[in-house]
Amino acid sequence: MGGVAAEALSALALFCLVDLLFPIKRKGIVYTSFNFIFSLTLFAATLYFAHFGTIPTYAVLGELNQVPQIRGSVNALLRPDQFLYFVDFVVLFIVYIVRKIVSYRRSRSLSFSMERRDSGGKSRGWIIGVAVLLVLCVGASTLYVRSGKGIDNELVRGEKIGFLNYQIDAALRNQKRRKCSKRGIWRRQLARFTLCRIPILTTTKRQQ
């Protein structure tokens, strides 16, 4: 249950961000594009999990088309229930057709007045409300990510913090590994430099 709540909060945060960044006239296209990318990402992650039994990260998903094991067995992995990620597009298409039929039957004056109302700008209260909701969702998602730091099992961690928060956790862990790796390289170089300097200093002292 925690993973579902975490997933809902992180997805709501993304929708709030889209609402604040894009104007109303382009919001339909942006929402549809974002929804398609999000659904496609979940669909690809489901196929990856069905094949490898692990949760894919953003880096793995970016190279998914280069994995021959996946490309060669996509048809065997597909199940009807996996296409439920795209069922909302069917609903949106039906709603779009119904709205077109209704708007066609209305008079031009009424349609013009509705278009004028729909194309208006956002109110200040709406922007503030969405911004506050965004802050709350980001704060809650941060708490979920922090709660998963002590979980080593990636399946348990992903189930608890959700898929989107798991990607943030993976990015933070990769960043931490890079920092540790750079520190290790710097320490090894310093140790080599120190070991090289000791014989030189010893030889110099003996000559003096």
Foldseek 3Di string as FASTA:
>chain_A
DLQVVLAVLVVLLVLLVLPLPDWLVCSVVVVVVVLVVVLVLQLLQQLVCQVPVAGDAPVCSVCVVVDVVCVVCVVVSDDPVSCVSCVVVVVVVVVVVVVVVVLVPDDPVVNVVVVVVSNDTDDPVVNVVSVVSSVVSVVVLVVLLVVLPPPPDRVVSCSNNHNVSSNVNVVVVVVVVVVVVVVVVVVVVVVVVVVVVVVVVVVVVVVD
